[in-house]
Every structure is written in structure tokens, then in C-alpha cells.
PDB file of all heavy atoms in Angstrom:
ATOM      1  N   ASP A   1     109.714  97.813  89.379  1.00  0.00           N
ATOM      2  CA  ASP A   1     110.853  97.525  88.502  1.00  0.00           C
ATOM      3  C   ASP A   1     111.186  96.029  88.464  1.00  0.00           C
ATOM      4  O   ASP A   1     112.165  95.620  87.849  1.00  0.00           O
ATOM      5  CB  ASP A   1     112.087  98.332  88.908  1.00  0.00           C
ATOM      6  CG  ASP A   1     112.636  97.944  90.278  1.00  0.00           C
ATOM      7  OD1 ASP A   1     112.075  97.046  90.941  1.00  0.00           O
ATOM      8  OD2 ASP A   1     113.642  98.556  90.703  1.00  0.00           O
ATOM      9  N   GLY A   2     110.360  95.221  89.141  1.00  0.00           N
ATOM     10  CA  GLY A   2     110.550  93.777  89.139  1.00  0.00           C
ATOM     11  C   GLY A   2     111.306  93.231  90.328  1.00  0.00           C
ATOM     12  O   GLY A   2     111.411  92.019  90.495  1.00  0.00           O
ATOM     13  N   THR A   3     111.843  94.094  91.182  1.00  0.00           N
ATOM     14  CA  THR A   3     112.590  93.646  92.357  1.00  0.00           C
ATOM     15  C   THR A   3     111.654  92.984  93.350  1.00  0.00           C
ATOM     16  O   THR A   3     110.674  93.584  93.787  1.00  0.00           O
ATOM     17  CB  THR A   3     113.291  94.835  93.044  1.00  0.00           C
ATOM     18  OG1 THR A   3     114.144  95.481  92.101  1.00  0.00           O
ATOM     19  CG2 THR A   3     114.107  94.374  94.240  1.00  0.00           C
ATOM     20  N   ILE A   4     111.945  91.733  93.702  1.00  0.00           N
ATOM     21  CA  ILE A   4     111.164  91.021  94.722  1.00  0.00           C
ATOM     22  C   ILE A   4     111.793  91.330  96.069  1.00  0.00           C
ATOM     23  O   ILE A   4     112.978  91.064  96.288  1.00  0.00           O
ATOM     24  CB  ILE A   4     111.132  89.512  94.448  1.00  0.00           C
ATOM     25  CG1 ILE A   4     110.449  89.246  93.097  1.00  0.00           C
ATOM     26  CG2 ILE A   4     110.423  88.780  95.580  1.00  0.00           C
ATOM     27  CD1 ILE A   4     110.521  87.813  92.632  1.00  0.00           C
ATOM     28  N   LEU A   5     111.003  91.913  96.957  1.00  0.00           N
ATOM     29  CA  LEU A   5     111.516  92.315  98.261  1.00  0.00           C
ATOM     30  C   LEU A   5     111.546  91.145  99.224  1.00  0.00           C
ATOM     31  O   LEU A   5     110.609  90.348  99.276  1.00  0.00           O
ATOM     32  CB  LEU A   5     110.644  93.431  98.847  1.00  0.00           C
ATOM     33  CG  LEU A   5     110.435  94.673  97.977  1.00  0.00           C
ATOM     34  CD1 LEU A   5     109.553  95.683  98.704  1.00  0.00           C
ATOM     35  CD2 LEU A   5     111.745  95.309  97.608  1.00  0.00           C
ATOM     36  N   LYS A   6     112.620  91.054  99.972  1.00  0.00           N
ATOM     37  CA  LYS A   6     112.719  90.075 101.048  1.00  0.00           C
ATOM     38  C   LYS A   6     112.369  90.788 102.348  1.00  0.00           C
ATOM     39  O   LYS A   6     112.763  91.937 102.544  1.00  0.00           O
ATOM     40  CB  LYS A   6     114.144  89.501 101.129  1.00  0.00           C
ATOM     41  CG  LYS A   6     114.519  88.685  99.929  1.00  0.00           C
ATOM     42  CD  LYS A   6     115.914  88.140 100.072  1.00  0.00           C
ATOM     43  CE  LYS A   6     116.290  87.350  98.830  1.00  0.00           C
ATOM     44  NZ  LYS A   6     117.680  86.906  98.875  1.00  0.00           N
ATOM     45  N   PRO A   7     111.636  90.122 103.246  1.00  0.00           N
ATOM     46  CA  PRO A   7     111.245  90.787 104.497  1.00  0.00           C
ATOM     47  C   PRO A   7     112.446  91.334 105.263  1.00  0.00           C
ATOM     48  O   PRO A   7     113.478  90.675 105.379  1.00  0.00           O
ATOM     49  CB  PRO A   7     110.544  89.676 105.290  1.00  0.00           C
ATOM     50  CG  PRO A   7     110.057  88.726 104.250  1.00  0.00           C
ATOM     51  CD  PRO A   7     111.096  88.769 103.159  1.00  0.00           C
ATOM     52  N   ASN A   8     112.310  92.553 105.727  1.00  0.00           N
ATOM     53  CA  ASN A   8     113.265  93.275 106.565  1.00  0.00           C
ATOM     54  C   ASN A   8     114.563  93.675 105.863  1.00  0.00           C
ATOM     55  O   ASN A   8     115.453  94.209 106.495  1.00  0.00           O
ATOM     56  CB  ASN A   8     113.570  92.514 107.858  1.00  0.00           C
ATOM     57  CG  ASN A   8     114.052  93.454 108.947  1.00  0.00           C
ATOM     58  OD1 ASN A   8     113.764  94.642 108.947  1.00  0.00           O
ATOM     59  ND2 ASN A   8     114.814  92.929 109.882  1.00  0.00           N
ATOM     60  N   ASP A   9     114.693  93.430 104.565  1.00  0.00           N
ATOM     61  CA  ASP A   9     115.847  93.930 103.817  1.00  0.00           C
ATOM     62  C   ASP A   9     115.512  95.314 103.279  1.00  0.00           C
ATOM     63  O   ASP A   9     114.380  95.578 102.891  1.00  0.00           O
ATOM     64  CB  ASP A   9     116.192  93.007 102.641  1.00  0.00           C
ATOM     65  CG  ASP A   9     116.951  91.767 103.087  1.00  0.00           C
ATOM     66  OD1 ASP A   9     117.224  91.636 104.293  1.00  0.00           O
ATOM     67  OD2 ASP A   9     117.261  90.934 102.219  1.00  0.00           O
ATOM     68  N   ARG A  10     116.505  96.185 103.242  1.00  0.00           N
ATOM     69  CA  ARG A  10     116.308  97.551 102.735  1.00  0.00           C
ATOM     70  C   ARG A  10     116.614  97.599 101.238  1.00  0.00           C
ATOM     71  O   ARG A  10     117.600  97.022 100.787  1.00  0.00           O
ATOM     72  CB  ARG A  10     117.225  98.534 103.450  1.00  0.00           C
ATOM     73  CG  ARG A  10     116.888  98.736 104.885  1.00  0.00           C
ATOM     74  CD  ARG A  10     117.874  99.726 105.517  1.00  0.00           C
ATOM     75  NE  ARG A  10     117.865  99.614 106.946  1.00  0.00           N
ATOM     76  CZ  ARG A  10     117.047 100.290 107.744  1.00  0.00           C
ATOM     77  NH1 ARG A  10     116.184 101.120 107.221  1.00  0.00           N
ATOM     78  NH2 ARG A  10     117.084 100.131 109.040  1.00  0.00           N
ATOM     79  N   TYR A  11     115.761  98.326 100.524  1.00  0.00           N
ATOM     80  CA  TYR A  11     115.939  98.504  99.092  1.00  0.00           C
ATOM     81  C   TYR A  11     115.849  99.985  98.768  1.00  0.00           C
ATOM     82  O   TYR A  11     115.022 100.697  99.343  1.00  0.00           O
ATOM     83  CB  TYR A  11     114.849  97.739  98.320  1.00  0.00           C
ATOM     84  CG  TYR A  11     114.950  96.256  98.518  1.00  0.00           C
ATOM     85  CD1 TYR A  11     114.307  95.637  99.593  1.00  0.00           C
ATOM     86  CD2 TYR A  11     115.697  95.468  97.661  1.00  0.00           C
ATOM     87  CE1 TYR A  11     114.414  94.270  99.797  1.00  0.00           C
ATOM     88  CE2 TYR A  11     115.802  94.095  97.850  1.00  0.00           C
ATOM     89  CZ  TYR A  11     115.149  93.503  98.927  1.00  0.00           C
ATOM     90  OH  TYR A  11     115.259  92.158  99.121  1.00  0.00           O
ATOM     91  N   PRO A  12     116.690 100.473  97.850  1.00  0.00           N
ATOM     92  CA  PRO A  12     116.630 101.895  97.512  1.00  0.00           C
ATOM     93  C   PRO A  12     115.321 102.236  96.811  1.00  0.00           C
ATOM     94  O   PRO A  12     114.823 101.459  95.995  1.00  0.00           O
ATOM     95  CB  PRO A  12     117.825 102.096  96.575  1.00  0.00           C
ATOM     96  CG  PRO A  12     118.175 100.749  96.073  1.00  0.00           C
ATOM     97  CD  PRO A  12     117.718  99.762  97.110  1.00  0.00           C
ATOM     98  N   LEU A  13     114.783 103.370  97.169  1.00  0.00           N
ATOM     99  CA  LEU A  13     113.573 103.884  96.532  1.00  0.00           C
ATOM    100  C   LEU A  13     114.030 105.009  95.611  1.00  0.00           C
ATOM    101  O   LEU A  13     114.465 106.063  96.081  1.00  0.00           O
ATOM    102  CB  LEU A  13     112.606 104.384  97.604  1.00  0.00           C
ATOM    103  CG  LEU A  13     111.184 104.651  97.191  1.00  0.00           C
ATOM    104  CD1 LEU A  13     110.554 103.423  96.556  1.00  0.00           C
ATOM    105  CD2 LEU A  13     110.373 105.088  98.393  1.00  0.00           C
ATOM    106  N   THR A  14     113.977 104.790  94.317  1.00  0.00           N
ATOM    107  CA  THR A  14     114.567 105.730  93.365  1.00  0.00           C
ATOM    108  C   THR A  14     113.551 106.666  92.722  1.00  0.00           C
ATOM    109  O   THR A  14     113.945 107.598  92.027  1.00  0.00           O
ATOM    110  CB  THR A  14     115.307 104.961  92.254  1.00  0.00           C
ATOM    111  OG1 THR A  14     114.382 104.075  91.609  1.00  0.00           O
ATOM    112  CG2 THR A  14     116.460 104.158  92.834  1.00  0.00           C
ATOM    113  N   LYS A  15     112.265 106.412  92.928  1.00  0.00           N
ATOM    114  CA  LYS A  15     111.226 107.247  92.321  1.00  0.00           C
ATOM    115  C   LYS A  15     110.280 107.747  93.406  1.00  0.00           C
ATOM    116  O   LYS A  15     110.088 107.085  94.417  1.00  0.00           O
ATOM    117  CB  LYS A  15     110.425 106.446  91.295  1.00  0.00           C
ATOM    118  CG  LYS A  15     111.255 105.896  90.156  1.00  0.00           C
ATOM    119  CD  LYS A  15     110.403 105.217  89.113  1.00  0.00           C
ATOM    120  CE  LYS A  15     109.936 103.859  89.572  1.00  0.00           C
ATOM    121  NZ  LYS A  15     109.206 103.108  88.573  1.00  0.00           N
ATOM    122  N   GLU A  16     109.664 108.896  93.149  1.00  0.00           N
ATOM    123  CA  GLU A  16     108.684 109.424  94.092  1.00  0.00           C
ATOM    124  C   GLU A  16     107.289 108.867  93.834  1.00  0.00           C
ATOM    125  O   GLU A  16     106.443 108.875  94.711  1.00  0.00           O
ATOM    126  CB  GLU A  16     108.677 110.956  94.048  1.00  0.00           C
ATOM    127  CG  GLU A  16     109.951 111.537  94.613  1.00  0.00           C
ATOM    128  CD  GLU A  16     109.919 113.039  94.726  1.00  0.00           C
ATOM    129  OE1 GLU A  16     108.830 113.623  94.791  1.00  0.00           O
ATOM    130  OE2 GLU A  16     111.012 113.633  94.760  1.00  0.00           O
ATOM    131  N   VAL A  17     107.029 108.410  92.629  1.00  0.00           N
ATOM    132  CA  VAL A  17     105.768 107.750  92.296  1.00  0.00           C
ATOM    133  C   VAL A  17     106.133 106.321  91.914  1.00  0.00           C
ATOM    134  O   VAL A  17     106.901 106.098  90.984  1.00  0.00           O
ATOM    135  CB  VAL A  17     105.039 108.465  91.133  1.00  0.00           C
ATOM    136  CG1 VAL A  17     103.772 107.723  90.757  1.00  0.00           C
ATOM    137  CG2 VAL A  17     104.725 109.905  91.507  1.00  0.00           C
ATOM    138  N   PHE A  18     105.592 105.363  92.662  1.00  0.00           N
ATOM    139  CA  PHE A  18     105.971 103.971  92.428  1.00  0.00           C
ATOM    140  C   PHE A  18     104.803 103.062  92.771  1.00  0.00           C
ATOM    141  O   PHE A  18     103.834 103.476  93.403  1.00  0.00           O
ATOM    142  CB  PHE A  18     107.212 103.584  93.242  1.00  0.00           C
ATOM    143  CG  PHE A  18     107.051 103.766  94.732  1.00  0.00           C
ATOM    144  CD1 PHE A  18     106.717 102.690  95.542  1.00  0.00           C
ATOM    145  CD2 PHE A  18     107.228 105.016  95.318  1.00  0.00           C
ATOM    146  CE1 PHE A  18     106.575 102.868  96.915  1.00  0.00           C
ATOM    147  CE2 PHE A  18     107.091 105.193  96.688  1.00  0.00           C
ATOM    148  CZ  PHE A  18     106.763 104.113  97.483  1.00  0.00           C
ATOM    149  N   ARG A  19     104.917 101.828  92.357  1.00  0.00           N
ATOM    150  CA  ARG A  19     103.878 100.829  92.631  1.00  0.00           C
ATOM    151  C   ARG A  19     104.514  99.602  93.279  1.00  0.00           C
ATOM    152  O   ARG A  19     105.635  99.231  92.968  1.00  0.00           O
ATOM    153  CB  ARG A  19     103.158 100.425  91.355  1.00  0.00           C
ATOM    154  CG  ARG A  19     102.384 101.573  90.763  1.00  0.00           C
ATOM    155  CD  ARG A  19     101.715 101.216  89.488  1.00  0.00           C
ATOM    156  NE  ARG A  19     101.099 102.432  88.942  1.00  0.00           N
ATOM    157  CZ  ARG A  19     100.174 102.426  88.030  1.00  0.00           C
ATOM    158  NH1 ARG A  19      99.749 101.293  87.517  1.00  0.00           N
ATOM    159  NH2 ARG A  19      99.671 103.547  87.594  1.00  0.00           N
ATOM    160  N   LEU A  20     103.747  99.011  94.169  1.00  0.00           N
ATOM    161  CA  LEU A  20     104.127  97.754  94.801  1.00  0.00           C
ATOM    162  C   LEU A  20     103.059  96.728  94.450  1.00  0.00           C
ATOM    163  O   LEU A  20     101.883  97.076  94.303  1.00  0.00           O
ATOM    164  CB  LEU A  20     104.218  97.920  96.318  1.00  0.00           C
ATOM    165  CG  LEU A  20     105.217  98.963  96.816  1.00  0.00           C
ATOM    166  CD1 LEU A  20     105.024  99.206  98.310  1.00  0.00           C
ATOM    167  CD2 LEU A  20     106.638  98.517  96.532  1.00  0.00           C
ATOM    168  N   TYR A  21     103.459  95.465  94.341  1.00  0.00           N
ATOM    169  CA  TYR A  21     102.531  94.404  93.999  1.00  0.00           C
ATOM    170  C   TYR A  21     102.640  93.305  95.047  1.00  0.00           C
ATOM    171  O   TYR A  21     103.690  92.677  95.175  1.00  0.00           O
ATOM    172  CB  TYR A  21     102.832  93.858  92.594  1.00  0.00           C
ATOM    173  CG  TYR A  21     102.690  94.921  91.526  1.00  0.00           C
ATOM    174  CD1 TYR A  21     103.796  95.636  91.080  1.00  0.00           C
ATOM    175  CD2 TYR A  21     101.443  95.230  91.001  1.00  0.00           C
ATOM    176  CE1 TYR A  21     103.666  96.628  90.122  1.00  0.00           C
ATOM    177  CE2 TYR A  21     101.299  96.221  90.036  1.00  0.00           C
ATOM    178  CZ  TYR A  21     102.416  96.914  89.603  1.00  0.00           C
ATOM    179  OH  TYR A  21     102.289  97.897  88.660  1.00  0.00           O
ATOM    180  N   TYR A  22     101.551  93.102  95.786  1.00  0.00           N
ATOM    181  CA  TYR A  22     101.515  92.042  96.791  1.00  0.00           C
ATOM    182  C   TYR A  22     100.781  90.848  96.209  1.00  0.00           C
ATOM    183  O   TYR A  22      99.639  90.970  95.737  1.00  0.00           O
ATOM    184  CB  TYR A  22     100.809  92.514  98.068  1.00  0.00           C
ATOM    185  CG  TYR A  22     100.687  91.407  99.071  1.00  0.00           C
ATOM    186  CD1 TYR A  22     101.784  91.013  99.829  1.00  0.00           C
ATOM    187  CD2 TYR A  22      99.493  90.712  99.237  1.00  0.00           C
ATOM    188  CE1 TYR A  22     101.698  89.964 100.723  1.00  0.00           C
ATOM    189  CE2 TYR A  22      99.392  89.671 100.134  1.00  0.00           C
ATOM    190  CZ  TYR A  22     100.492  89.299 100.870  1.00  0.00           C
ATOM    191  OH  TYR A  22     100.397  88.249 101.753  1.00  0.00           O
ATOM    192  N   THR A  23     101.415  89.673  96.243  1.00  0.00           N
ATOM    193  CA  THR A  23     100.798  88.441  95.752  1.00  0.00           C
ATOM    194  C   THR A  23     100.548  87.507  96.930  1.00  0.00           C
ATOM    195  O   THR A  23     101.480  87.156  97.661  1.00  0.00           O
ATOM    196  CB  THR A  23     101.699  87.740  94.711  1.00  0.00           C
ATOM    197  OG1 THR A  23     101.938  88.662  93.641  1.00  0.00           O
ATOM    198  CG2 THR A  23     101.034  86.497  94.159  1.00  0.00           C
ATOM    199  N   SER A  24      99.290  87.119  97.099  1.00  0.00           N
ATOM    200  CA  SER A  24      98.897  86.229  98.194  1.00  0.00           C
ATOM    201  C   SER A  24      99.404  84.811  97.932  1.00  0.00           C
ATOM    202  O   SER A  24      99.328  84.306  96.816  1.00  0.00           O
ATOM    203  CB  SER A  24      97.373  86.211  98.311  1.00  0.00           C
ATOM    204  OG  SER A  24      96.958  85.215  99.207  1.00  0.00           O
TER     205      SER A  24
END
């Protein structure tokens, strides 16, 4: 959904099927 995760912060997971994108 475009949310950039910060390490160790909790974010709600609203879907059972989802994708994460890791950028090196």
C-alpha cells in the first residue's frame, strides 16, 4: 500500500494476501 516500514515499529496488517518490497 506504499507504507515504508521503519525497523522495529509495528504496522497493522489489514489483508491476508499482501506483498512486501525490499530495496537494497
